[in-house]
């Protein structure tokens, strides 16, 4: 009885091993930055980010110019100022400088938020295209940027994803 159970267990193990060996692993890779750069939305996103950056930059420059004017005025007139007026102007200049630093930090955060806001839907679209291509072409795994150390070009599905997303890759 023991030998029958052992034989049955051995057959089950061997059958499982053969089943595992029968599964194919097909690995593809893609470059989402490349795909993003080819999408029509990329130019619009770049334009919106540039406009936002320019607006923030103009506001920052305005604040810096105001600081420079007030600082120069202080330097030019400090010889005739009383100690109370000097102290008041210095306090005002320090507050302006802190305001500029705070605005610069908030502007950087605003740029990052704007970038995430604009890119999130596009990356979702790319992700959907990758999943569709992977399923349609039987890829069990798809890698993207930085993880894969070597792959042949035949497994690069970037152009397939672009085609799935409606982008003509023949002229790009």
C-alpha atoms as a PDB file:
ATOM      1  CA  UNK A   1       0.000   0.000   0.000  1.00  0.00           C
ATOM      2  CA  UNK A   2       2.862   2.351   0.854  1.00  0.00           C
ATOM      3  CA  UNK A   3       4.536   1.738  -2.476  1.00  0.00           C
ATOM      4  CA  UNK A   4       1.291   2.490  -4.354  1.00  0.00           C
ATOM      5  CA  UNK A   5       0.904   5.799  -2.473  1.00  0.00           C
ATOM      6  CA  UNK A   6       4.545   6.620  -3.115  1.00  0.00           C
ATOM      7  CA  UNK A   7       4.156   5.763  -6.803  1.00  0.00           C
ATOM      8  CA  UNK A   8       0.996   7.883  -7.015  1.00  0.00           C
ATOM      9  CA  UNK A   9       2.759  10.788  -5.292  1.00  0.00           C
ATOM     10  CA  UNK A  10       5.698  10.434  -7.682  1.00  0.00           C
ATOM     11  CA  UNK A  11       3.359  10.458 -10.699  1.00  0.00           C
ATOM     12  CA  UNK A  12       1.608  13.579  -9.392  1.00  0.00           C
ATOM     13  CA  UNK A  13       4.932  15.338  -8.826  1.00  0.00           C
ATOM     14  CA  UNK A  14       6.192  14.368 -12.279  1.00  0.00           C
ATOM     15  CA  UNK A  15       2.911  15.487 -13.877  1.00  0.00           C
ATOM     16  CA  UNK A  16       3.166  18.840 -12.081  1.00  0.00           C
ATOM     17  CA  UNK A  17       6.754  19.248 -13.218  1.00  0.00           C
ATOM     18  CA  UNK A  18       5.803  18.550 -16.821  1.00  0.00           C
ATOM     19  CA  UNK A  19       2.896  20.987 -16.551  1.00  0.00           C
ATOM     20  CA  UNK A  20       5.244  23.683 -15.266  1.00  0.00           C
ATOM     21  CA  UNK A  21       7.708  23.002 -18.041  1.00  0.00           C
ATOM     22  CA  UNK A  22       4.922  23.222 -20.615  1.00  0.00           C
ATOM     23  CA  UNK A  23       4.096  26.816 -19.586  1.00  0.00           C
ATOM     24  CA  UNK A  24       5.848  29.263 -21.849  1.00  0.00           C
ATOM     25  CA  UNK A  25       7.408  32.394 -20.593  1.00  0.00           C
ATOM     26  CA  UNK A  26       7.461  35.142 -23.167  1.00  0.00           C
ATOM     27  CA  UNK A  27       9.154  38.316 -22.040  1.00  0.00           C
ATOM     28  CA  UNK A  28       8.856  41.685 -23.723  1.00  0.00           C
ATOM     29  CA  UNK A  29      10.102  45.117 -22.860  1.00  0.00           C
ATOM     30  CA  UNK A  30       9.079  48.652 -23.596  1.00  0.00           C
ATOM     31  CA  UNK A  31      10.183  52.210 -22.997  1.00  0.00           C
ATOM     32  CA  UNK A  32       7.292  54.291 -21.675  1.00  0.00           C
ATOM     33  CA  UNK A  33       9.228  57.540 -22.136  1.00  0.00           C
ATOM     34  CA  UNK A  34       9.666  56.705 -25.824  1.00  0.00           C
ATOM     35  CA  UNK A  35       5.968  55.907 -26.142  1.00  0.00           C
ATOM     36  CA  UNK A  36       5.037  59.128 -24.330  1.00  0.00           C
ATOM     37  CA  UNK A  37       7.268  61.183 -26.629  1.00  0.00           C
ATOM     38  CA  UNK A  38       5.461  59.819 -29.696  1.00  0.00           C
ATOM     39  CA  UNK A  39       1.938  60.461 -28.444  1.00  0.00           C
ATOM     40  CA  UNK A  40       0.148  63.567 -29.736  1.00  0.00           C
ATOM     41  CA  UNK A  41      -0.673  64.540 -26.142  1.00  0.00           C
ATOM     42  CA  UNK A  42       3.045  64.929 -25.363  1.00  0.00           C
ATOM     43  CA  UNK A  43       3.365  68.238 -27.219  1.00  0.00           C
ATOM     44  CA  UNK A  44       0.271  69.641 -25.511  1.00  0.00           C
ATOM     45  CA  UNK A  45       1.534  68.541 -22.087  1.00  0.00           C
ATOM     46  CA  UNK A  46       4.962  70.036 -22.782  1.00  0.00           C
ATOM     47  CA  UNK A  47       3.322  73.298 -23.863  1.00  0.00           C
ATOM     48  CA  UNK A  48       1.110  73.463 -20.758  1.00  0.00           C
ATOM     49  CA  UNK A  49       4.062  72.743 -18.474  1.00  0.00           C
ATOM     50  CA  UNK A  50       6.153  75.420 -20.208  1.00  0.00           C
ATOM     51  CA  UNK A  51       3.342  77.971 -19.846  1.00  0.00           C
ATOM     52  CA  UNK A  52       2.915  77.113 -16.167  1.00  0.00           C
ATOM     53  CA  UNK A  53       6.691  77.312 -15.588  1.00  0.00           C
ATOM     54  CA  UNK A  54       6.858  80.690 -17.373  1.00  0.00           C
ATOM     55  CA  UNK A  55       3.977  82.089 -15.309  1.00  0.00           C
ATOM     56  CA  UNK A  56       5.591  80.993 -12.066  1.00  0.00           C
ATOM     57  CA  UNK A  57       8.975  82.277 -13.259  1.00  0.00           C
ATOM     58  CA  UNK A  58       7.510  85.696 -14.083  1.00  0.00           C
ATOM     59  CA  UNK A  59       5.922  85.926 -10.635  1.00  0.00           C
ATOM     60  CA  UNK A  60       9.193  84.934  -8.981  1.00  0.00           C
ATOM     61  CA  UNK A  61      11.152  87.449 -11.054  1.00  0.00           C
ATOM     62  CA  UNK A  62       8.681  90.176 -10.098  1.00  0.00           C
ATOM     63  CA  UNK A  63       9.186  89.401  -6.417  1.00  0.00           C
ATOM     64  CA  UNK A  64      12.977  89.322  -6.843  1.00  0.00           C
ATOM     65  CA  UNK A  65      12.933  92.638  -8.731  1.00  0.00           C
ATOM     66  CA  UNK A  66      10.862  94.196  -5.953  1.00  0.00           C
ATOM     67  CA  UNK A  67      13.378  92.938  -3.397  1.00  0.00           C
ATOM     68  CA  UNK A  68      16.301  94.281  -5.445  1.00  0.00           C
ATOM     69  CA  UNK A  69      14.661  97.735  -5.751  1.00  0.00           C
ATOM     70  CA  UNK A  70      13.953  97.936  -2.039  1.00  0.00           C
ATOM     71  CA  UNK A  71      17.408  96.645  -1.156  1.00  0.00           C
ATOM     72  CA  UNK A  72      19.103  99.155  -3.462  1.00  0.00           C
ATOM     73  CA  UNK A  73      16.952 101.923  -2.025  1.00  0.00           C
ATOM     74  CA  UNK A  74      18.028 100.834   1.451  1.00  0.00           C
ATOM     75  CA  UNK A  75      21.719 100.785   0.471  1.00  0.00           C
ATOM     76  CA  UNK A  76      21.454 104.218  -1.168  1.00  0.00           C
ATOM     77  CA  UNK A  77      19.595 105.854   1.738  1.00  0.00           C
ATOM     78  CA  UNK A  78      20.862 104.083   4.838  1.00  0.00           C
ATOM     79  CA  UNK A  79      23.344 106.837   5.670  1.00  0.00           C
ATOM     80  CA  UNK A  80      20.475 109.247   6.281  1.00  0.00           C
ATOM     81  CA  UNK A  81      18.167 106.769   8.050  1.00  0.00           C
ATOM     82  CA  UNK A  82      17.607 106.643  11.765  1.00  0.00           C
ATOM     83  CA  UNK A  83      18.282 103.368  13.546  1.00  0.00           C
ATOM     84  CA  UNK A  84      14.541 102.732  13.907  1.00  0.00           C
ATOM     85  CA  UNK A  85      13.931 103.222  10.161  1.00  0.00           C
ATOM     86  CA  UNK A  86      16.969 101.050   9.278  1.00  0.00           C
ATOM     87  CA  UNK A  87      15.700  98.277  11.520  1.00  0.00           C
ATOM     88  CA  UNK A  88      12.214  98.537  10.022  1.00  0.00           C
ATOM     89  CA  UNK A  89      13.533  98.385   6.444  1.00  0.00           C
ATOM     90  CA  UNK A  90      15.844  95.470   7.291  1.00  0.00           C
ATOM     91  CA  UNK A  91      12.897  93.583   8.794  1.00  0.00           C
ATOM     92  CA  UNK A  92      10.861  94.292   5.661  1.00  0.00           C
ATOM     93  CA  UNK A  93      13.725  93.060   3.446  1.00  0.00           C
ATOM     94  CA  UNK A  94      14.076  89.870   5.483  1.00  0.00           C
ATOM     95  CA  UNK A  95      10.334  89.242   5.199  1.00  0.00           C
ATOM     96  CA  UNK A  96      10.505  89.796   1.426  1.00  0.00           C
ATOM     97  CA  UNK A  97      13.428  87.405   1.138  1.00  0.00           C
ATOM     98  CA  UNK A  98      11.563  84.744   3.134  1.00  0.00           C
ATOM     99  CA  UNK A  99       8.503  85.325   0.970  1.00  0.00           C
ATOM    100  CA  UNK A 100      10.610  84.785  -2.164  1.00  0.00           C
ATOM    101  CA  UNK A 101      12.074  81.556  -0.777  1.00  0.00           C
ATOM    102  CA  UNK A 102       8.620  80.304   0.204  1.00  0.00           C
ATOM    103  CA  UNK A 103       7.222  81.190  -3.227  1.00  0.00           C
ATOM    104  CA  UNK A 104      10.106  79.402  -4.979  1.00  0.00           C
ATOM    105  CA  UNK A 105       9.454  76.232  -2.953  1.00  0.00           C
ATOM    106  CA  UNK A 106       5.711  76.442  -3.627  1.00  0.00           C
ATOM    107  CA  UNK A 107       6.360  77.049  -7.322  1.00  0.00           C
ATOM    108  CA  UNK A 108       8.500  73.907  -7.515  1.00  0.00           C
ATOM    109  CA  UNK A 109       5.765  71.926  -5.794  1.00  0.00           C
ATOM    110  CA  UNK A 110       3.181  73.435  -8.137  1.00  0.00           C
ATOM    111  CA  UNK A 111       5.239  72.350 -11.165  1.00  0.00           C
ATOM    112  CA  UNK A 112       5.483  68.811  -9.832  1.00  0.00           C
ATOM    113  CA  UNK A 113       1.738  68.689  -9.149  1.00  0.00           C
ATOM    114  CA  UNK A 114       0.930  70.042 -12.605  1.00  0.00           C
ATOM    115  CA  UNK A 115       3.201  67.445 -14.201  1.00  0.00           C
ATOM    116  CA  UNK A 116       1.538  64.616 -12.275  1.00  0.00           C
ATOM    117  CA  UNK A 117      -1.926  65.996 -13.094  1.00  0.00           C
ATOM    118  CA  UNK A 118      -1.157  66.138 -16.820  1.00  0.00           C
ATOM    119  CA  UNK A 119       0.815  62.896 -17.122  1.00  0.00           C
ATOM    120  CA  UNK A 120      -1.269  60.548 -14.956  1.00  0.00           C
ATOM    121  CA  UNK A 121      -4.040  59.979 -17.537  1.00  0.00           C
ATOM    122  CA  UNK A 122      -1.496  59.510 -20.328  1.00  0.00           C
ATOM    123  CA  UNK A 123       0.473  56.930 -18.336  1.00  0.00           C
ATOM    124  CA  UNK A 124      -2.804  55.138 -17.590  1.00  0.00           C
ATOM    125  CA  UNK A 125      -3.483  55.071 -21.341  1.00  0.00           C
ATOM    126  CA  UNK A 126       0.035  53.728 -22.008  1.00  0.00           C
ATOM    127  CA  UNK A 127      -0.392  51.103 -19.282  1.00  0.00           C
ATOM    128  CA  UNK A 128      -3.664  49.984 -20.853  1.00  0.00           C
ATOM    129  CA  UNK A 129      -1.980  49.715 -24.258  1.00  0.00           C
ATOM    130  CA  UNK A 130       0.876  47.674 -22.794  1.00  0.00           C
ATOM    131  CA  UNK A 131      -1.552  45.265 -21.130  1.00  0.00           C
ATOM    132  CA  UNK A 132      -3.563  44.832 -24.339  1.00  0.00           C
ATOM    133  CA  UNK A 133      -0.462  44.205 -26.448  1.00  0.00           C
ATOM    134  CA  UNK A 134       0.929  41.790 -23.865  1.00  0.00           C
ATOM    135  CA  UNK A 135      -2.306  39.791 -23.839  1.00  0.00           C
ATOM    136  CA  UNK A 136      -2.763  39.847 -27.628  1.00  0.00           C
ATOM    137  CA  UNK A 137       0.823  38.738 -28.309  1.00  0.00           C
ATOM    138  CA  UNK A 138       1.125  36.234 -25.471  1.00  0.00           C
ATOM    139  CA  UNK A 139       3.718  38.048 -23.335  1.00  0.00           C
ATOM    140  CA  UNK A 140       3.764  36.725 -19.809  1.00  0.00           C
ATOM    141  CA  UNK A 141       6.048  39.505 -18.562  1.00  0.00           C
ATOM    142  CA  UNK A 142       6.796  43.013 -19.799  1.00  0.00           C
ATOM    143  CA  UNK A 143       9.621  45.094 -18.394  1.00  0.00           C
ATOM    144  CA  UNK A 144      10.151  48.823 -18.645  1.00  0.00           C
ATOM    145  CA  UNK A 145      13.070  51.208 -18.072  1.00  0.00           C
ATOM    146  CA  UNK A 146      15.962  50.294 -15.891  1.00  0.00           C
ATOM    147  CA  UNK A 147      14.983  46.800 -14.831  1.00  0.00           C
ATOM    148  CA  UNK A 148      15.996  44.742 -17.821  1.00  0.00           C
ATOM    149  CA  UNK A 149      19.701  44.186 -18.404  1.00  0.00           C
ATOM    150  CA  UNK A 150      19.492  42.597 -21.829  1.00  0.00           C
ATOM    151  CA  UNK A 151      16.876  41.860 -24.449  1.00  0.00           C
ATOM    152  CA  UNK A 152      16.734  41.407 -28.174  1.00  0.00           C
ATOM    153  CA  UNK A 153      14.888  44.025 -30.240  1.00  0.00           C
ATOM    154  CA  UNK A 154      12.286  41.489 -31.340  1.00  0.00           C
ATOM    155  CA  UNK A 155      10.832  41.606 -27.823  1.00  0.00           C
ATOM    156  CA  UNK A 156      10.504  45.417 -27.745  1.00  0.00           C
ATOM    157  CA  UNK A 157       6.772  46.044 -27.808  1.00  0.00           C
ATOM    158  CA  UNK A 158       6.960  49.865 -27.723  1.00  0.00           C
ATOM    159  CA  UNK A 159       5.891  50.305 -31.362  1.00  0.00           C
ATOM    160  CA  UNK A 160       3.118  47.738 -30.929  1.00  0.00           C
ATOM    161  CA  UNK A 161       1.809  49.758 -27.982  1.00  0.00           C
ATOM    162  CA  UNK A 162       1.970  52.965 -30.021  1.00  0.00           C
ATOM    163  CA  UNK A 163       0.049  51.286 -32.827  1.00  0.00           C
ATOM    164  CA  UNK A 164      -2.522  50.048 -30.278  1.00  0.00           C
ATOM    165  CA  UNK A 165      -2.857  53.649 -29.056  1.00  0.00           C
ATOM    166  CA  UNK A 166      -3.465  54.853 -32.614  1.00  0.00           C
ATOM    167  CA  UNK A 167      -0.054  56.389 -33.314  1.00  0.00           C
ATOM    168  CA  UNK A 168       1.510  55.730 -36.725  1.00  0.00           C
ATOM    169  CA  UNK A 169       5.086  54.611 -36.066  1.00  0.00           C
ATOM    170  CA  UNK A 170       6.233  54.247 -39.668  1.00  0.00           C
ATOM    171  CA  UNK A 171       6.998  57.962 -40.117  1.00  0.00           C
ATOM    172  CA  UNK A 172       8.458  58.578 -36.638  1.00  0.00           C
END
